[in-house]
């Protein structure tokens, strides 16, 4: 039950990061060679990025937490 507030606290950063992704994609669209996309597409891309990065962040956090207890 202690993890539920952490999950709820991840909501605002998710929406903010999707918004930033949409803005930056629009700003560099011509340079990168992509078409600018809207907020719903930015949310889908953000979910995909979070699902790809979250396991790595969790593994690093567990490894760091475990090594600090040993010293």
PDB file of N, CA and C in Angstrom:
ATOM      1  N   UNK A   1       0.823  -1.197   0.000  1.00  0.00           N
ATOM      2  CA  UNK A   1       0.000   0.000   0.000  1.00  0.00           C
ATOM      3  C   UNK A   1       0.865   1.258   0.000  1.00  0.00           C
ATOM      4  N   UNK A   2       2.111   1.155   0.414  1.00  0.00           N
ATOM      5  CA  UNK A   2       2.968   2.341   0.447  1.00  0.00           C
ATOM      6  C   UNK A   2       3.365   2.800  -0.943  1.00  0.00           C
ATOM      7  N   UNK A   3       3.275   1.915  -1.937  1.00  0.00           N
ATOM      8  CA  UNK A   3       3.685   2.279  -3.294  1.00  0.00           C
ATOM      9  C   UNK A   3       2.598   3.021  -4.054  1.00  0.00           C
ATOM     10  N   UNK A   4       1.351   2.980  -3.594  1.00  0.00           N
ATOM     11  CA  UNK A   4       0.278   3.642  -4.314  1.00  0.00           C
ATOM     12  C   UNK A   4       0.484   5.155  -4.413  1.00  0.00           C
ATOM     13  N   UNK A   5       0.855   5.863  -3.345  1.00  0.00           N
ATOM     14  CA  UNK A   5       1.102   7.310  -3.499  1.00  0.00           C
ATOM     15  C   UNK A   5       2.234   7.612  -4.486  1.00  0.00           C
ATOM     16  N   UNK A   6       3.217   6.729  -4.562  1.00  0.00           N
ATOM     17  CA  UNK A   6       4.293   6.935  -5.536  1.00  0.00           C
ATOM     18  C   UNK A   6       3.759   6.817  -6.958  1.00  0.00           C
ATOM     19  N   UNK A   7       2.843   5.885  -7.165  1.00  0.00           N
ATOM     20  CA  UNK A   7       2.239   5.714  -8.479  1.00  0.00           C
ATOM     21  C   UNK A   7       1.402   6.931  -8.853  1.00  0.00           C
ATOM     22  N   UNK A   8       0.624   7.438  -7.916  1.00  0.00           N
ATOM     23  CA  UNK A   8      -0.191   8.627  -8.164  1.00  0.00           C
ATOM     24  C   UNK A   8       0.703   9.841  -8.394  1.00  0.00           C
ATOM     25  N   UNK A   9       1.819   9.922  -7.684  1.00  0.00           N
ATOM     26  CA  UNK A   9       2.738  11.048  -7.852  1.00  0.00           C
ATOM     27  C   UNK A   9       3.428  11.032  -9.209  1.00  0.00           C
ATOM     28  N   UNK A  10       3.442   9.902  -9.891  1.00  0.00           N
ATOM     29  CA  UNK A  10       4.060   9.828 -11.216  1.00  0.00           C
ATOM     30  C   UNK A  10       3.159  10.399 -12.302  1.00  0.00           C
ATOM     31  N   UNK A  11       1.902  10.661 -12.011  1.00  0.00           N
ATOM     32  CA  UNK A  11       0.965  11.172 -13.007  1.00  0.00           C
ATOM     33  C   UNK A  11       1.340  12.532 -13.579  1.00  0.00           C
ATOM     34  N   UNK A  12       1.484  13.556 -12.748  1.00  0.00           N
ATOM     35  CA  UNK A  12       1.828  14.878 -13.294  1.00  0.00           C
ATOM     36  C   UNK A  12       3.135  14.894 -14.096  1.00  0.00           C
ATOM     37  N   UNK A  13       4.217  14.231 -13.635  1.00  0.00           N
ATOM     38  CA  UNK A  13       5.417  14.215 -14.485  1.00  0.00           C
ATOM     39  C   UNK A  13       5.198  13.519 -15.821  1.00  0.00           C
ATOM     40  N   UNK A  14       4.319  12.524 -15.860  1.00  0.00           N
ATOM     41  CA  UNK A  14       4.024  11.853 -17.121  1.00  0.00           C
ATOM     42  C   UNK A  14       3.402  12.825 -18.109  1.00  0.00           C
ATOM     43  N   UNK A  15       2.370  13.535 -17.684  1.00  0.00           N
ATOM     44  CA  UNK A  15       1.693  14.462 -18.585  1.00  0.00           C
ATOM     45  C   UNK A  15       2.614  15.616 -18.992  1.00  0.00           C
ATOM     46  N   UNK A  16       3.429  16.056 -18.066  1.00  0.00           N
ATOM     47  CA  UNK A  16       4.374  17.122 -18.383  1.00  0.00           C
ATOM     48  C   UNK A  16       5.437  16.648 -19.374  1.00  0.00           C
ATOM     49  N   UNK A  17       5.942  15.438 -19.202  1.00  0.00           N
ATOM     50  CA  UNK A  17       6.955  14.938 -20.124  1.00  0.00           C
ATOM     51  C   UNK A  17       6.361  14.694 -21.513  1.00  0.00           C
ATOM     52  N   UNK A  18       5.097  14.277 -21.594  1.00  0.00           N
ATOM     53  CA  UNK A  18       4.448  14.125 -22.898  1.00  0.00           C
ATOM     54  C   UNK A  18       4.298  15.486 -23.575  1.00  0.00           C
ATOM     55  N   UNK A  19       3.961  16.483 -22.808  1.00  0.00           N
ATOM     56  CA  UNK A  19       3.819  17.834 -23.357  1.00  0.00           C
ATOM     57  C   UNK A  19       5.167  18.356 -23.869  1.00  0.00           C
ATOM     58  N   UNK A  20       6.227  18.154 -23.070  1.00  0.00           N
ATOM     59  CA  UNK A  20       7.567  18.570 -23.510  1.00  0.00           C
ATOM     60  C   UNK A  20       7.994  17.824 -24.774  1.00  0.00           C
ATOM     61  N   UNK A  21       7.701  16.535 -24.840  1.00  0.00           N
ATOM     62  CA  UNK A  21       8.031  15.760 -26.030  1.00  0.00           C
ATOM     63  C   UNK A  21       7.335  16.328 -27.256  1.00  0.00           C
ATOM     64  N   UNK A  22       6.066  16.684 -27.116  1.00  0.00           N
ATOM     65  CA  UNK A  22       5.321  17.263 -28.230  1.00  0.00           C
ATOM     66  C   UNK A  22       5.945  18.595 -28.657  1.00  0.00           C
ATOM     67  N   UNK A  23       6.305  19.431 -27.695  1.00  0.00           N
ATOM     68  CA  UNK A  23       6.910  20.728 -28.022  1.00  0.00           C
ATOM     69  C   UNK A  23       8.267  20.562 -28.705  1.00  0.00           C
ATOM     70  N   UNK A  24       9.110  19.712 -28.156  1.00  0.00           N
ATOM     71  CA  UNK A  24      10.444  19.535 -28.724  1.00  0.00           C
ATOM     72  C   UNK A  24      10.390  18.860 -30.089  1.00  0.00           C
ATOM     73  N   UNK A  25       9.478  17.910 -30.260  1.00  0.00           N
ATOM     74  CA  UNK A  25       9.334  17.264 -31.564  1.00  0.00           C
ATOM     75  C   UNK A  25       8.888  18.272 -32.612  1.00  0.00           C
ATOM     76  N   UNK A  26       8.020  19.185 -32.235  1.00  0.00           N
ATOM     77  CA  UNK A  26       7.595  20.226 -33.170  1.00  0.00           C
ATOM     78  C   UNK A  26       8.713  21.203 -33.481  1.00  0.00           C
ATOM     79  N   UNK A  27       9.548  21.471 -32.498  1.00  0.00           N
ATOM     80  CA  UNK A  27      10.633  22.432 -32.700  1.00  0.00           C
ATOM     81  C   UNK A  27      11.739  21.883 -33.590  1.00  0.00           C
ATOM     82  N   UNK A  28      12.002  20.604 -33.522  1.00  0.00           N
ATOM     83  CA  UNK A  28      13.108  20.023 -34.302  1.00  0.00           C
ATOM     84  C   UNK A  28      12.623  19.174 -35.468  1.00  0.00           C
ATOM     85  N   UNK A  29      11.337  19.261 -35.794  1.00  0.00           N
ATOM     86  CA  UNK A  29      10.763  18.392 -36.817  1.00  0.00           C
ATOM     87  C   UNK A  29      11.468  18.531 -38.162  1.00  0.00           C
ATOM     88  N   UNK A  30      11.708  19.734 -38.611  1.00  0.00           N
ATOM     89  CA  UNK A  30      12.347  19.933 -39.915  1.00  0.00           C
ATOM     90  C   UNK A  30      13.794  19.462 -39.899  1.00  0.00           C
ATOM     91  N   UNK A  31      14.487  19.707 -38.811  1.00  0.00           N
ATOM     92  CA  UNK A  31      15.901  19.308 -38.713  1.00  0.00           C
ATOM     93  C   UNK A  31      16.059  17.787 -38.671  1.00  0.00           C
ATOM     94  N   UNK A  32      15.153  17.112 -38.002  1.00  0.00           N
ATOM     95  CA  UNK A  32      15.244  15.665 -37.830  1.00  0.00           C
ATOM     96  C   UNK A  32      14.580  14.919 -38.991  1.00  0.00           C
ATOM     97  N   UNK A  33      13.645  15.564 -39.654  1.00  0.00           N
ATOM     98  CA  UNK A  33      12.961  14.941 -40.770  1.00  0.00           C
ATOM     99  C   UNK A  33      11.705  14.187 -40.382  1.00  0.00           C
ATOM    100  N   UNK A  34      11.023  14.651 -39.335  1.00  0.00           N
ATOM    101  CA  UNK A  34       9.766  14.027 -38.919  1.00  0.00           C
ATOM    102  C   UNK A  34       8.642  15.046 -39.058  1.00  0.00           C
ATOM    103  N   UNK A  35       7.421  14.546 -39.071  1.00  0.00           N
ATOM    104  CA  UNK A  35       6.269  15.439 -39.042  1.00  0.00           C
ATOM    105  C   UNK A  35       5.949  15.747 -37.591  1.00  0.00           C
ATOM    106  N   UNK A  36       5.591  16.987 -37.268  1.00  0.00           N
ATOM    107  CA  UNK A  36       5.172  17.285 -35.889  1.00  0.00           C
ATOM    108  C   UNK A  36       3.943  16.448 -35.527  1.00  0.00           C
ATOM    109  N   UNK A  37       3.843  16.049 -34.283  1.00  0.00           N
ATOM    110  CA  UNK A  37       2.709  15.242 -33.857  1.00  0.00           C
ATOM    111  C   UNK A  37       2.045  15.893 -32.661  1.00  0.00           C
ATOM    112  N   UNK A  38       0.818  15.471 -32.402  1.00  0.00           N
ATOM    113  CA  UNK A  38       0.005  16.058 -31.346  1.00  0.00           C
ATOM    114  C   UNK A  38       0.231  15.410 -29.985  1.00  0.00           C
ATOM    115  N   UNK A  39      -0.563  15.888 -29.042  1.00  0.00           N
ATOM    116  CA  UNK A  39      -0.421  15.442 -27.659  1.00  0.00           C
ATOM    117  C   UNK A  39      -0.759  13.965 -27.465  1.00  0.00           C
ATOM    118  N   UNK A  40      -1.814  13.434 -28.082  1.00  0.00           N
ATOM    119  CA  UNK A  40      -2.092  11.997 -27.891  1.00  0.00           C
ATOM    120  C   UNK A  40      -0.944  11.102 -28.370  1.00  0.00           C
ATOM    121  N   UNK A  41      -0.342  11.436 -29.488  1.00  0.00           N
ATOM    122  CA  UNK A  41       0.796  10.657 -29.972  1.00  0.00           C
ATOM    123  C   UNK A  41       1.982  10.801 -29.024  1.00  0.00           C
ATOM    124  N   UNK A  42       2.177  11.999 -28.499  1.00  0.00           N
ATOM    125  CA  UNK A  42       3.260  12.219 -27.535  1.00  0.00           C
ATOM    126  C   UNK A  42       3.030  11.393 -26.273  1.00  0.00           C
ATOM    127  N   UNK A  43       1.781  11.223 -25.861  1.00  0.00           N
ATOM    128  CA  UNK A  43       1.493  10.398 -24.689  1.00  0.00           C
ATOM    129  C   UNK A  43       1.820   8.933 -24.953  1.00  0.00           C
ATOM    130  N   UNK A  44       1.494   8.441 -26.155  1.00  0.00           N
ATOM    131  CA  UNK A  44       1.798   7.050 -26.497  1.00  0.00           C
ATOM    132  C   UNK A  44       3.305   6.828 -26.512  1.00  0.00           C
ATOM    133  N   UNK A  45       4.042   7.754 -27.104  1.00  0.00           N
ATOM    134  CA  UNK A  45       5.504   7.639 -27.153  1.00  0.00           C
ATOM    135  C   UNK A  45       6.084   7.705 -25.743  1.00  0.00           C
ATOM    136  N   UNK A  46       5.532   8.570 -24.899  1.00  0.00           N
ATOM    137  CA  UNK A  46       6.012   8.685 -23.524  1.00  0.00           C
ATOM    138  C   UNK A  46       5.771   7.392 -22.745  1.00  0.00           C
ATOM    139  N   UNK A  47       4.618   6.775 -22.930  1.00  0.00           N
ATOM    140  CA  UNK A  47       4.342   5.490 -22.271  1.00  0.00           C
ATOM    141  C   UNK A  47       5.373   4.458 -22.717  1.00  0.00           C
ATOM    142  N   UNK A  48       5.642   4.411 -24.017  1.00  0.00           N
ATOM    143  CA  UNK A  48       6.623   3.446 -24.531  1.00  0.00           C
ATOM    144  C   UNK A  48       8.005   3.709 -23.940  1.00  0.00           C
ATOM    145  N   UNK A  49       8.397   4.959 -23.878  1.00  0.00           N
ATOM    146  CA  UNK A  49       9.711   5.283 -23.305  1.00  0.00           C
ATOM    147  C   UNK A  49       9.762   4.932 -21.819  1.00  0.00           C
ATOM    148  N   UNK A  50       8.700   5.234 -21.092  1.00  0.00           N
ATOM    149  CA  UNK A  50       8.678   4.925 -19.665  1.00  0.00           C
ATOM    150  C   UNK A  50       8.718   3.417 -19.438  1.00  0.00           C
ATOM    151  N   UNK A  51       8.026   2.650 -20.276  1.00  0.00           N
ATOM    152  CA  UNK A  51       8.053   1.189 -20.119  1.00  0.00           C
ATOM    153  C   UNK A  51       9.423   0.616 -20.462  1.00  0.00           C
ATOM    154  N   UNK A  52      10.135   1.260 -21.352  1.00  0.00           N
ATOM    155  CA  UNK A  52      11.469   0.789 -21.713  1.00  0.00           C
ATOM    156  C   UNK A  52      12.501   1.172 -20.658  1.00  0.00           C
ATOM    157  N   UNK A  53      12.344   2.336 -20.047  1.00  0.00           N
ATOM    158  CA  UNK A  53      13.354   2.850 -19.116  1.00  0.00           C
ATOM    159  C   UNK A  53      13.086   2.407 -17.670  1.00  0.00           C
ATOM    160  N   UNK A  54      11.833   2.199 -17.307  1.00  0.00           N
ATOM    161  CA  UNK A  54      11.492   1.882 -15.917  1.00  0.00           C
ATOM    162  C   UNK A  54      12.196   0.643 -15.369  1.00  0.00           C
ATOM    163  N   UNK A  55      12.291  -0.462 -16.096  1.00  0.00           N
ATOM    164  CA  UNK A  55      13.013  -1.612 -15.536  1.00  0.00           C
ATOM    165  C   UNK A  55      14.488  -1.315 -15.271  1.00  0.00           C
ATOM    166  N   UNK A  56      15.110  -0.547 -16.142  1.00  0.00           N
ATOM    167  CA  UNK A  56      16.516  -0.196 -15.931  1.00  0.00           C
ATOM    168  C   UNK A  56      16.677   0.687 -14.695  1.00  0.00           C
ATOM    169  N   UNK A  57      15.793   1.644 -14.531  1.00  0.00           N
ATOM    170  CA  UNK A  57      15.860   2.522 -13.354  1.00  0.00           C
ATOM    171  C   UNK A  57      15.634   1.713 -12.081  1.00  0.00           C
ATOM    172  N   UNK A  58      14.673   0.790 -12.104  1.00  0.00           N
ATOM    173  CA  UNK A  58      14.425  -0.049 -10.937  1.00  0.00           C
ATOM    174  C   UNK A  58      15.612  -0.929 -10.598  1.00  0.00           C
ATOM    175  N   UNK A  59      16.255  -1.491 -11.622  1.00  0.00           N
ATOM    176  CA  UNK A  59      17.430  -2.335 -11.377  1.00  0.00           C
ATOM    177  C   UNK A  59      18.579  -1.520 -10.805  1.00  0.00           C
ATOM    178  N   UNK A  60      18.771  -0.329 -11.317  1.00  0.00           N
ATOM    179  CA  UNK A  60      19.840   0.536 -10.798  1.00  0.00           C
ATOM    180  C   UNK A  60      19.537   0.940  -9.363  1.00  0.00           C
ATOM    181  N   UNK A  61      18.283   1.248  -9.074  1.00  0.00           N
ATOM    182  CA  UNK A  61      17.914   1.635  -7.713  1.00  0.00           C
ATOM    183  C   UNK A  61      18.121   0.484  -6.736  1.00  0.00           C
ATOM    184  N   UNK A  62      17.740  -0.731  -7.152  1.00  0.00           N
ATOM    185  CA  UNK A  62      17.951  -1.883  -6.272  1.00  0.00           C
ATOM    186  C   UNK A  62      19.429  -2.154  -6.060  1.00  0.00           C
ATOM    187  N   UNK A  63      20.223  -2.040  -7.111  1.00  0.00           N
ATOM    188  CA  UNK A  63      21.662  -2.297  -6.991  1.00  0.00           C
ATOM    189  C   UNK A  63      22.322  -1.243  -6.112  1.00  0.00           C
ATOM    190  N   UNK A  64      21.909  -0.001  -6.275  1.00  0.00           N
ATOM    191  CA  UNK A  64      22.486   1.080  -5.462  1.00  0.00           C
ATOM    192  C   UNK A  64      22.074   0.934  -4.009  1.00  0.00           C
ATOM    193  N   UNK A  65      20.831   0.591  -3.755  1.00  0.00           N
ATOM    194  CA  UNK A  65      20.343   0.413  -2.386  1.00  0.00           C
ATOM    195  C   UNK A  65      21.044  -0.759  -1.715  1.00  0.00           C
ATOM    196  N   UNK A  66      21.254  -1.833  -2.459  1.00  0.00           N
ATOM    197  CA  UNK A  66      21.919  -3.009  -1.898  1.00  0.00           C
ATOM    198  C   UNK A  66      23.387  -2.778  -1.620  1.00  0.00           C
ATOM    199  N   UNK A  67      24.078  -2.003  -2.464  1.00  0.00           N
ATOM    200  CA  UNK A  67      25.498  -1.760  -2.247  1.00  0.00           C
ATOM    201  C   UNK A  67      25.730  -0.785  -1.112  1.00  0.00           C
ATOM    202  N   UNK A  68      24.788   0.129  -0.848  1.00  0.00           N
ATOM    203  CA  UNK A  68      24.988   1.079   0.241  1.00  0.00           C
ATOM    204  C   UNK A  68      24.834   0.398   1.606  1.00  0.00           C
ATOM    205  N   UNK A  69      24.075  -0.685   1.678  1.00  0.00           N
ATOM    206  CA  UNK A  69      23.917  -1.407   2.935  1.00  0.00           C
ATOM    207  C   UNK A  69      25.151  -2.236   3.270  1.00  0.00           C
ATOM    208  N   UNK A  70      25.896  -2.641   2.243  1.00  0.00           N
ATOM    209  CA  UNK A  70      27.064  -3.481   2.467  1.00  0.00           C
ATOM    210  C   UNK A  70      28.246  -2.698   3.038  1.00  0.00           C
ATOM    211  N   UNK A  71      28.293  -1.402   2.768  1.00  0.00           N
ATOM    212  CA  UNK A  71      29.436  -0.615   3.257  1.00  0.00           C
ATOM    213  C   UNK A  71      29.169  -0.007   4.604  1.00  0.00           C
TER     214      UNK A  71
END
